[in-house]
Amino acid sequence: MTRLEYTFKTDTLFKMLFVQNPDLLKRLVCELLRIRLESIGQFEIKNPEMPPESLDGKFCRLDINMTVDGQLVDLEIQVRDEKDYPERVLYYWAREYSTALPESGDYKDLPRTVIISIISFNQFESPEFHSEFCPLEVKRHELLSDRMSLHFFELKKIPAHPLTANDKLLLWLSLFKAETQEELEKIKALEEPVMEQAINAYQKITATPEFREMERMRSYARHNEAAALRHARDEGREEVAKNALREGASADFVQRITGLDMETIKRLAQ
């Protein structure tokens, strides 16, 4: 197996590919939201920019924000399970929805706001790979409003049976799931024109110096982000250790509850 250097989940590739190929993005959104392509009258990417100064910033999102027939649609890729993704999605929705109210506008004019997340980890217990959430009354399941729609596509739950050219949604998700050259070749071998177009665009972009420089900057930023998160976690554990030691806990007990090494615990005790 030949592992791909970059996958469709690589955020710089994801953003460049679909901003540069809006027709592919439109087709992807149609499959994810089960909309007929011919029914879309308005389709606009609202944040096509990828400014270099943001690429090397920690915690930078490379989402794609669109207007689709009056709806706000935000497409997200999430690779790492950081244990807070549902809360983050609610935050993304709230920010998009709340900032869409025009000055002197009426609340009833707020648009339907949709967050689509393609994720590389299992978020829910259900075996289904697609989940949609909206505000419902707990007992009656009565819809409060159609203005909220949160979609999750869990790549690990995609069925293992052979792909066919007829199921466009599974083909798209299989592109995002693919980690090897052989997996891409299997999809391309189906000779489905849209998949061939997507793979050709992927190969063209990953060969450009522009993409490689952007990915170098993002890789550096991701490294810094991981280091910052590790530092924050370590600081949190050290604070727990300090408090426990202050209350008279033994060094062995503190090590068990924090996972810190004994040298660090002794330093904190002093």
C-alpha atoms as a PDB file:
ATOM      1  CA  MET A   1       0.000   0.000   0.000  1.00  0.00           C
ATOM      2  CA  THR A   2       1.273   3.456  -0.959  1.00  0.00           C
ATOM      3  CA  ARG A   3       0.223   5.969   1.664  1.00  0.00           C
ATOM      4  CA  LEU A   4      -0.890   9.358   0.399  1.00  0.00           C
ATOM      5  CA  GLU A   5       1.305  12.262   1.416  1.00  0.00           C
ATOM      6  CA  TYR A   6      -1.817  14.444   1.464  1.00  0.00           C
ATOM      7  CA  THR A   7      -5.435  13.330   1.740  1.00  0.00           C
ATOM      8  CA  PHE A   8      -8.737  15.014   0.977  1.00  0.00           C
ATOM      9  CA  LYS A   9      -8.925  15.684   4.741  1.00  0.00           C
ATOM     10  CA  THR A  10      -5.805  17.889   4.636  1.00  0.00           C
ATOM     11  CA  ASP A  11      -7.348  21.264   5.427  1.00  0.00           C
ATOM     12  CA  THR A  12      -5.255  23.346   3.008  1.00  0.00           C
ATOM     13  CA  LEU A  13      -5.991  20.894   0.178  1.00  0.00           C
ATOM     14  CA  PHE A  14      -9.678  20.758   1.106  1.00  0.00           C
ATOM     15  CA  LYS A  15      -9.987  24.539   0.980  1.00  0.00           C
ATOM     16  CA  MET A  16      -7.927  25.052  -2.194  1.00  0.00           C
ATOM     17  CA  LEU A  17      -9.558  22.220  -4.116  1.00  0.00           C
ATOM     18  CA  PHE A  18     -13.140  23.287  -3.538  1.00  0.00           C
ATOM     19  CA  VAL A  19     -12.557  27.049  -3.784  1.00  0.00           C
ATOM     20  CA  GLN A  20     -10.799  26.545  -7.108  1.00  0.00           C
ATOM     21  CA  ASN A  21     -13.435  24.064  -8.292  1.00  0.00           C
ATOM     22  CA  PRO A  22     -16.793  25.471  -7.110  1.00  0.00           C
ATOM     23  CA  ASP A  23     -18.701  23.096  -9.395  1.00  0.00           C
ATOM     24  CA  LEU A  24     -17.238  20.158  -7.451  1.00  0.00           C
ATOM     25  CA  LEU A  25     -18.150  21.848  -4.166  1.00  0.00           C
ATOM     26  CA  LYS A  26     -21.699  22.390  -5.379  1.00  0.00           C
ATOM     27  CA  ARG A  27     -22.020  18.717  -6.297  1.00  0.00           C
ATOM     28  CA  LEU A  28     -20.563  17.643  -2.949  1.00  0.00           C
ATOM     29  CA  VAL A  29     -23.022  19.830  -1.017  1.00  0.00           C
ATOM     30  CA  CYS A  30     -25.906  18.453  -3.070  1.00  0.00           C
ATOM     31  CA  GLU A  31     -24.994  14.907  -2.031  1.00  0.00           C
ATOM     32  CA  LEU A  32     -24.378  15.785   1.619  1.00  0.00           C
ATOM     33  CA  LEU A  33     -27.698  17.622   1.939  1.00  0.00           C
ATOM     34  CA  ARG A  34     -29.650  15.472  -0.529  1.00  0.00           C
ATOM     35  CA  ILE A  35     -30.483  18.440  -2.761  1.00  0.00           C
ATOM     36  CA  ARG A  36     -31.066  18.063  -6.486  1.00  0.00           C
ATOM     37  CA  LEU A  37     -28.345  19.884  -8.426  1.00  0.00           C
ATOM     38  CA  GLU A  38     -30.862  21.435 -10.808  1.00  0.00           C
ATOM     39  CA  SER A  39     -32.857  22.890  -7.918  1.00  0.00           C
ATOM     40  CA  ILE A  40     -30.035  25.199  -6.744  1.00  0.00           C
ATOM     41  CA  GLY A  41     -30.482  28.731  -7.997  1.00  0.00           C
ATOM     42  CA  GLN A  42     -27.952  30.589  -5.830  1.00  0.00           C
ATOM     43  CA  PHE A  43     -24.578  29.196  -4.784  1.00  0.00           C
ATOM     44  CA  GLU A  44     -21.799  31.416  -3.450  1.00  0.00           C
ATOM     45  CA  ILE A  45     -18.597  30.779  -1.485  1.00  0.00           C
ATOM     46  CA  LYS A  46     -18.402  33.526   1.136  1.00  0.00           C
ATOM     47  CA  ASN A  47     -14.828  32.968   2.400  1.00  0.00           C
ATOM     48  CA  PRO A  48     -12.624  31.916  -0.549  1.00  0.00           C
ATOM     49  CA  GLU A  49      -9.526  33.641   0.853  1.00  0.00           C
ATOM     50  CA  MET A  50      -6.557  31.798   2.359  1.00  0.00           C
ATOM     51  CA  PRO A  51      -4.365  34.668   3.578  1.00  0.00           C
ATOM     52  CA  PRO A  52      -0.808  33.527   4.439  1.00  0.00           C
ATOM     53  CA  GLU A  53      -0.869  35.365   7.767  1.00  0.00           C
ATOM     54  CA  SER A  54      -3.781  33.192   8.938  1.00  0.00           C
ATOM     55  CA  LEU A  55      -2.311  29.887   7.753  1.00  0.00           C
ATOM     56  CA  ASP A  56       0.527  29.968  10.253  1.00  0.00           C
ATOM     57  CA  GLY A  57      -1.689  31.138  13.096  1.00  0.00           C
ATOM     58  CA  LYS A  58      -2.570  28.630  15.782  1.00  0.00           C
ATOM     59  CA  PHE A  59      -6.150  27.320  15.857  1.00  0.00           C
ATOM     60  CA  CYS A  60      -6.931  28.631  12.352  1.00  0.00           C
ATOM     61  CA  ARG A  61     -10.072  27.116  10.770  1.00  0.00           C
ATOM     62  CA  LEU A  62     -10.083  26.393   7.050  1.00  0.00           C
ATOM     63  CA  ASP A  63     -13.808  25.827   6.695  1.00  0.00           C
ATOM     64  CA  ILE A  64     -15.857  26.694   3.598  1.00  0.00           C
ATOM     65  CA  ASN A  65     -18.743  29.052   4.208  1.00  0.00           C
ATOM     66  CA  MET A  66     -21.454  29.250   1.553  1.00  0.00           C
ATOM     67  CA  THR A  67     -24.830  30.711   0.729  1.00  0.00           C
ATOM     68  CA  VAL A  68     -27.085  28.120  -0.908  1.00  0.00           C
ATOM     69  CA  ASP A  69     -30.487  29.436  -1.972  1.00  0.00           C
ATOM     70  CA  GLY A  70     -30.629  31.767   1.029  1.00  0.00           C
ATOM     71  CA  GLN A  71     -29.315  29.200   3.517  1.00  0.00           C
ATOM     72  CA  LEU A  72     -26.003  29.642   5.304  1.00  0.00           C
ATOM     73  CA  VAL A  73     -24.000  26.429   4.890  1.00  0.00           C
ATOM     74  CA  ASP A  74     -20.667  25.845   6.624  1.00  0.00           C
ATOM     75  CA  LEU A  75     -18.582  22.814   5.651  1.00  0.00           C
ATOM     76  CA  GLU A  76     -16.023  21.601   8.192  1.00  0.00           C
ATOM     77  CA  ILE A  77     -13.362  18.866   8.179  1.00  0.00           C
ATOM     78  CA  GLN A  78     -12.310  17.544  11.596  1.00  0.00           C
ATOM     79  CA  VAL A  79      -9.561  14.935  11.832  1.00  0.00           C
ATOM     80  CA  ARG A  80      -8.713  14.847  15.547  1.00  0.00           C
ATOM     81  CA  ASP A  81     -11.149  13.913  18.293  1.00  0.00           C
ATOM     82  CA  GLU A  82     -10.530  16.592  20.908  1.00  0.00           C
ATOM     83  CA  LYS A  83     -13.575  15.541  23.004  1.00  0.00           C
ATOM     84  CA  ASP A  84     -15.377  18.858  22.542  1.00  0.00           C
ATOM     85  CA  TYR A  85     -16.533  18.746  18.941  1.00  0.00           C
ATOM     86  CA  PRO A  86     -20.331  18.895  19.539  1.00  0.00           C
ATOM     87  CA  GLU A  87     -19.869  22.007  21.661  1.00  0.00           C
ATOM     88  CA  ARG A  88     -17.647  23.573  19.013  1.00  0.00           C
ATOM     89  CA  VAL A  89     -20.238  22.860  16.309  1.00  0.00           C
ATOM     90  CA  LEU A  90     -22.922  24.560  18.418  1.00  0.00           C
ATOM     91  CA  TYR A  91     -20.590  27.546  18.767  1.00  0.00           C
ATOM     92  CA  TYR A  92     -19.973  27.644  15.001  1.00  0.00           C
ATOM     93  CA  TRP A  93     -23.727  27.524  14.363  1.00  0.00           C
ATOM     94  CA  ALA A  94     -24.502  30.215  16.956  1.00  0.00           C
ATOM     95  CA  ARG A  95     -21.863  32.540  15.531  1.00  0.00           C
ATOM     96  CA  GLU A  96     -23.034  32.118  11.924  1.00  0.00           C
ATOM     97  CA  TYR A  97     -26.707  32.438  12.858  1.00  0.00           C
ATOM     98  CA  SER A  98     -26.378  35.411  15.215  1.00  0.00           C
ATOM     99  CA  THR A  99     -24.229  37.462  12.849  1.00  0.00           C
ATOM    100  CA  ALA A 100     -26.620  36.959   9.928  1.00  0.00           C
ATOM    101  CA  LEU A 101     -29.233  39.378  11.292  1.00  0.00           C
ATOM    102  CA  PRO A 102     -29.043  42.583   9.253  1.00  0.00           C
ATOM    103  CA  GLU A 103     -29.142  45.930  10.995  1.00  0.00           C
ATOM    104  CA  SER A 104     -32.738  46.806  11.850  1.00  0.00           C
ATOM    105  CA  GLY A 105     -33.686  43.317  10.659  1.00  0.00           C
ATOM    106  CA  ASP A 106     -36.409  41.111  12.054  1.00  0.00           C
ATOM    107  CA  TYR A 107     -35.650  37.820  13.821  1.00  0.00           C
ATOM    108  CA  LYS A 108     -37.950  35.993  11.410  1.00  0.00           C
ATOM    109  CA  ASP A 109     -35.595  37.030   8.605  1.00  0.00           C
ATOM    110  CA  LEU A 110     -32.681  35.064  10.065  1.00  0.00           C
ATOM    111  CA  PRO A 111     -31.631  32.398   7.555  1.00  0.00           C
ATOM    112  CA  ARG A 112     -31.624  28.652   7.965  1.00  0.00           C
ATOM    113  CA  THR A 113     -28.068  27.872   9.088  1.00  0.00           C
ATOM    114  CA  VAL A 114     -26.507  24.491   8.374  1.00  0.00           C
ATOM    115  CA  ILE A 115     -23.209  23.137   9.707  1.00  0.00           C
ATOM    116  CA  ILE A 116     -21.865  20.079   7.874  1.00  0.00           C
ATOM    117  CA  SER A 117     -19.030  18.199   9.586  1.00  0.00           C
ATOM    118  CA  ILE A 118     -17.013  15.428   7.944  1.00  0.00           C
ATOM    119  CA  ILE A 119     -15.169  13.775  10.816  1.00  0.00           C
ATOM    120  CA  SER A 120     -12.504  11.056  11.044  1.00  0.00           C
ATOM    121  CA  PHE A 121     -13.602   9.624  14.395  1.00  0.00           C
ATOM    122  CA  ASN A 122     -16.688   8.071  15.956  1.00  0.00           C
ATOM    123  CA  GLN A 123     -18.756  10.716  17.698  1.00  0.00           C
ATOM    124  CA  PHE A 124     -22.026   8.875  18.349  1.00  0.00           C
ATOM    125  CA  GLU A 125     -22.991   5.371  19.459  1.00  0.00           C
ATOM    126  CA  SER A 126     -25.286   4.831  16.477  1.00  0.00           C
ATOM    127  CA  PRO A 127     -23.856   2.620  13.671  1.00  0.00           C
ATOM    128  CA  GLU A 128     -25.200   5.048  11.044  1.00  0.00           C
ATOM    129  CA  PHE A 129     -22.537   7.198   9.403  1.00  0.00           C
ATOM    130  CA  HIS A 130     -24.842  10.206   8.973  1.00  0.00           C
ATOM    131  CA  SER A 131     -26.603  12.051  11.804  1.00  0.00           C
ATOM    132  CA  GLU A 132     -28.644  15.255  11.602  1.00  0.00           C
ATOM    133  CA  PHE A 133     -29.643  17.301  14.651  1.00  0.00           C
ATOM    134  CA  CYS A 134     -32.243  20.049  14.979  1.00  0.00           C
ATOM    135  CA  PRO A 135     -34.164  21.520  17.966  1.00  0.00           C
ATOM    136  CA  LEU A 136     -37.053  19.206  18.921  1.00  0.00           C
ATOM    137  CA  GLU A 137     -39.425  19.066  21.898  1.00  0.00           C
ATOM    138  CA  VAL A 138     -38.236  16.222  24.126  1.00  0.00           C
ATOM    139  CA  LYS A 139     -41.494  14.238  24.405  1.00  0.00           C
ATOM    140  CA  ARG A 140     -43.471  15.147  21.274  1.00  0.00           C
ATOM    141  CA  HIS A 141     -40.456  15.538  18.966  1.00  0.00           C
ATOM    142  CA  GLU A 142     -42.122  18.684  17.669  1.00  0.00           C
ATOM    143  CA  LEU A 143     -39.767  20.892  15.646  1.00  0.00           C
ATOM    144  CA  LEU A 144     -39.088  24.226  17.345  1.00  0.00           C
ATOM    145  CA  SER A 145     -37.573  25.866  14.261  1.00  0.00           C
ATOM    146  CA  ASP A 146     -36.106  24.804  10.931  1.00  0.00           C
ATOM    147  CA  ARG A 147     -33.353  27.412  11.234  1.00  0.00           C
ATOM    148  CA  MET A 148     -30.867  24.944  12.777  1.00  0.00           C
ATOM    149  CA  SER A 149     -29.445  21.875  11.059  1.00  0.00           C
ATOM    150  CA  LEU A 150     -26.272  20.117  12.204  1.00  0.00           C
ATOM    151  CA  HIS A 151     -24.994  17.284  10.010  1.00  0.00           C
ATOM    152  CA  PHE A 152     -22.243  14.844  10.998  1.00  0.00           C
ATOM    153  CA  PHE A 153     -20.672  12.367   8.580  1.00  0.00           C
ATOM    154  CA  GLU A 154     -18.496   9.842  10.450  1.00  0.00           C
ATOM    155  CA  LEU A 155     -15.945   8.400   8.025  1.00  0.00           C
ATOM    156  CA  LYS A 156     -15.099   5.377  10.177  1.00  0.00           C
ATOM    157  CA  LYS A 157     -18.685   4.130   9.862  1.00  0.00           C
ATOM    158  CA  ILE A 158     -18.826   4.079   6.071  1.00  0.00           C
ATOM    159  CA  PRO A 159     -20.012   0.595   4.953  1.00  0.00           C
ATOM    160  CA  ALA A 160     -17.241  -1.747   3.870  1.00  0.00           C
ATOM    161  CA  HIS A 161     -19.108  -3.235   0.901  1.00  0.00           C
ATOM    162  CA  PRO A 162     -17.721  -2.561  -2.628  1.00  0.00           C
ATOM    163  CA  LEU A 163     -18.344   0.906  -4.036  1.00  0.00           C
ATOM    164  CA  THR A 164     -20.591   1.492  -7.035  1.00  0.00           C
ATOM    165  CA  ALA A 165     -20.826   4.508  -9.319  1.00  0.00           C
ATOM    166  CA  ASN A 166     -24.509   4.902  -8.374  1.00  0.00           C
ATOM    167  CA  ASP A 167     -24.016   5.948  -4.741  1.00  0.00           C
ATOM    168  CA  LYS A 168     -22.468   9.389  -5.132  1.00  0.00           C
ATOM    169  CA  LEU A 169     -22.577  10.196  -1.402  1.00  0.00           C
ATOM    170  CA  LEU A 170     -20.528   7.128  -0.466  1.00  0.00           C
ATOM    171  CA  LEU A 171     -18.104   7.871  -3.284  1.00  0.00           C
ATOM    172  CA  TRP A 172     -17.511  11.389  -1.955  1.00  0.00           C
ATOM    173  CA  LEU A 173     -17.082  10.176   1.612  1.00  0.00           C
ATOM    174  CA  SER A 174     -14.731   7.423   0.414  1.00  0.00           C
ATOM    175  CA  LEU A 175     -12.573  10.109  -1.207  1.00  0.00           C
ATOM    176  CA  PHE A 176     -12.308  11.874   2.138  1.00  0.00           C
ATOM    177  CA  LYS A 177     -11.615   8.592   3.927  1.00  0.00           C
ATOM    178  CA  ALA A 178      -8.927   7.416   1.458  1.00  0.00           C
ATOM    179  CA  GLU A 179      -5.436   7.115   2.940  1.00  0.00           C
ATOM    180  CA  THR A 180      -3.663   5.229   0.117  1.00  0.00           C
ATOM    181  CA  GLN A 181      -3.070   5.611  -3.593  1.00  0.00           C
ATOM    182  CA  GLU A 182      -4.741   2.241  -4.151  1.00  0.00           C
ATOM    183  CA  GLU A 183      -7.980   3.487  -2.563  1.00  0.00           C
ATOM    184  CA  LEU A 184      -8.038   6.469  -4.917  1.00  0.00           C
ATOM    185  CA  GLU A 185      -7.364   4.193  -7.891  1.00  0.00           C
ATOM    186  CA  LYS A 186     -10.324   1.967  -6.958  1.00  0.00           C
ATOM    187  CA  ILE A 187     -12.606   4.993  -6.939  1.00  0.00           C
ATOM    188  CA  LYS A 188     -11.185   6.295 -10.200  1.00  0.00           C
ATOM    189  CA  ALA A 189     -11.596   2.866 -11.817  1.00  0.00           C
ATOM    190  CA  LEU A 190     -15.384   3.216 -11.490  1.00  0.00           C
ATOM    191  CA  GLU A 191     -15.111   5.872 -14.242  1.00  0.00           C
ATOM    192  CA  GLU A 192     -17.619   8.171 -12.578  1.00  0.00           C
ATOM    193  CA  PRO A 193     -16.921  11.574 -14.193  1.00  0.00           C
ATOM    194  CA  VAL A 194     -17.275  13.714 -11.053  1.00  0.00           C
ATOM    195  CA  MET A 195     -14.950  11.444  -9.052  1.00  0.00           C
ATOM    196  CA  GLU A 196     -12.402  11.488 -11.867  1.00  0.00           C
ATOM    197  CA  GLN A 197     -12.618  15.286 -11.945  1.00  0.00           C
ATOM    198  CA  ALA A 198     -12.113  15.484  -8.172  1.00  0.00           C
ATOM    199  CA  ILE A 199      -9.104  13.138  -8.180  1.00  0.00           C
ATOM    200  CA  ASN A 200      -7.525  14.938 -11.140  1.00  0.00           C
ATOM    201  CA  ALA A 201      -7.981  18.280  -9.347  1.00  0.00           C
ATOM    202  CA  TYR A 202      -6.440  16.750  -6.202  1.00  0.00           C
ATOM    203  CA  GLN A 203      -3.391  15.541  -8.138  1.00  0.00           C
ATOM    204  CA  LYS A 204      -2.976  18.871  -9.907  1.00  0.00           C
ATOM    205  CA  ILE A 205      -3.144  20.937  -6.700  1.00  0.00           C
ATOM    206  CA  THR A 206      -0.836  18.728  -4.634  1.00  0.00           C
ATOM    207  CA  ALA A 207       1.849  19.094  -7.312  1.00  0.00           C
ATOM    208  CA  THR A 208       1.914  22.908  -7.138  1.00  0.00           C
ATOM    209  CA  PRO A 209       4.566  24.865  -5.181  1.00  0.00           C
ATOM    210  CA  GLU A 210       1.800  27.164  -3.903  1.00  0.00           C
ATOM    211  CA  PHE A 211       0.003  24.292  -2.164  1.00  0.00           C
ATOM    212  CA  ARG A 212       3.212  22.818  -0.755  1.00  0.00           C
ATOM    213  CA  GLU A 213       4.219  26.152   0.750  1.00  0.00           C
ATOM    214  CA  MET A 214       0.773  26.624   2.265  1.00  0.00           C
ATOM    215  CA  GLU A 215       0.839  23.105   3.676  1.00  0.00           C
ATOM    216  CA  ARG A 216       4.320  23.723   5.114  1.00  0.00           C
ATOM    217  CA  MET A 217       2.966  26.773   6.950  1.00  0.00           C
ATOM    218  CA  ARG A 218      -0.111  24.884   8.165  1.00  0.00           C
ATOM    219  CA  SER A 219       1.983  21.928   9.300  1.00  0.00           C
ATOM    220  CA  TYR A 220       4.127  24.297  11.344  1.00  0.00           C
ATOM    221  CA  ALA A 221       0.990  25.893  12.817  1.00  0.00           C
ATOM    222  CA  ARG A 222      -0.486  22.486  13.668  1.00  0.00           C
ATOM    223  CA  HIS A 223       2.745  21.569  15.449  1.00  0.00           C
ATOM    224  CA  ASN A 224       2.596  24.802  17.452  1.00  0.00           C
ATOM    225  CA  GLU A 225      -1.076  24.216  18.224  1.00  0.00           C
ATOM    226  CA  ALA A 226      -0.377  20.708  19.537  1.00  0.00           C
ATOM    227  CA  ALA A 227       2.488  22.051  21.640  1.00  0.00           C
ATOM    228  CA  ALA A 228       0.244  24.805  23.061  1.00  0.00           C
ATOM    229  CA  LEU A 229      -2.463  22.291  23.962  1.00  0.00           C
ATOM    230  CA  ARG A 230       0.093  19.978  25.613  1.00  0.00           C
ATOM    231  CA  HIS A 231       1.465  22.925  27.569  1.00  0.00           C
ATOM    232  CA  ALA A 232      -2.041  23.911  28.719  1.00  0.00           C
ATOM    233  CA  ARG A 233      -2.786  20.338  29.803  1.00  0.00           C
ATOM    234  CA  ASP A 234       0.539  20.098  31.659  1.00  0.00           C
ATOM    235  CA  GLU A 235      -0.132  23.374  33.431  1.00  0.00           C
ATOM    236  CA  GLY A 236      -3.542  22.075  34.450  1.00  0.00           C
ATOM    237  CA  ARG A 237      -2.084  18.840  35.818  1.00  0.00           C
ATOM    238  CA  GLU A 238       0.561  20.741  37.720  1.00  0.00           C
ATOM    239  CA  GLU A 239      -2.111  22.924  39.310  1.00  0.00           C
ATOM    240  CA  VAL A 240      -4.004  19.810  40.432  1.00  0.00           C
ATOM    241  CA  ALA A 241      -0.754  18.398  41.843  1.00  0.00           C
ATOM    242  CA  LYS A 242       0.013  21.616  43.737  1.00  0.00           C
ATOM    243  CA  ASN A 243      -3.427  21.647  45.324  1.00  0.00           C
ATOM    244  CA  ALA A 244      -3.205  17.978  46.303  1.00  0.00           C
ATOM    245  CA  LEU A 245       0.253  18.402  47.821  1.00  0.00           C
ATOM    246  CA  ARG A 246      -0.941  21.481  49.684  1.00  0.00           C
ATOM    247  CA  GLU A 247      -3.704  19.334  51.229  1.00  0.00           C
ATOM    248  CA  GLY A 248      -1.156  16.788  52.396  1.00  0.00           C
ATOM    249  CA  ALA A 249      -1.471  14.130  49.681  1.00  0.00           C
ATOM    250  CA  SER A 250       1.497  11.811  49.239  1.00  0.00           C
ATOM    251  CA  ALA A 251       3.742  12.072  46.186  1.00  0.00           C
ATOM    252  CA  ASP A 252       2.691   8.552  45.099  1.00  0.00           C
ATOM    253  CA  PHE A 253      -0.993   9.504  45.236  1.00  0.00           C
ATOM    254  CA  VAL A 254      -0.374  12.709  43.266  1.00  0.00           C
ATOM    255  CA  GLN A 255       1.497  10.738  40.627  1.00  0.00           C
ATOM    256  CA  ARG A 256      -1.404   8.295  40.276  1.00  0.00           C
ATOM    257  CA  ILE A 257      -4.032  11.013  39.801  1.00  0.00           C
ATOM    258  CA  THR A 258      -2.027  13.339  37.542  1.00  0.00           C
ATOM    259  CA  GLY A 259       0.358  11.085  35.636  1.00  0.00           C
ATOM    260  CA  LEU A 260       3.207  13.524  36.287  1.00  0.00           C
ATOM    261  CA  ASP A 261       6.717  12.152  36.747  1.00  0.00           C
ATOM    262  CA  MET A 262       8.116  12.007  40.288  1.00  0.00           C
ATOM    263  CA  GLU A 263      10.790  14.603  39.567  1.00  0.00           C
ATOM    264  CA  THR A 264       8.125  17.166  38.615  1.00  0.00           C
ATOM    265  CA  ILE A 265       6.063  16.316  41.714  1.00  0.00           C
ATOM    266  CA  LYS A 266       9.096  16.780  43.976  1.00  0.00           C
ATOM    267  CA  ARG A 267       9.822  20.125  42.345  1.00  0.00           C
ATOM    268  CA  LEU A 268       6.224  21.236  42.902  1.00  0.00           C
ATOM    269  CA  ALA A 269       6.344  20.059  46.528  1.00  0.00           C
ATOM    270  CA  GLN A 270       9.335  22.280  47.174  1.00  0.00           C
END
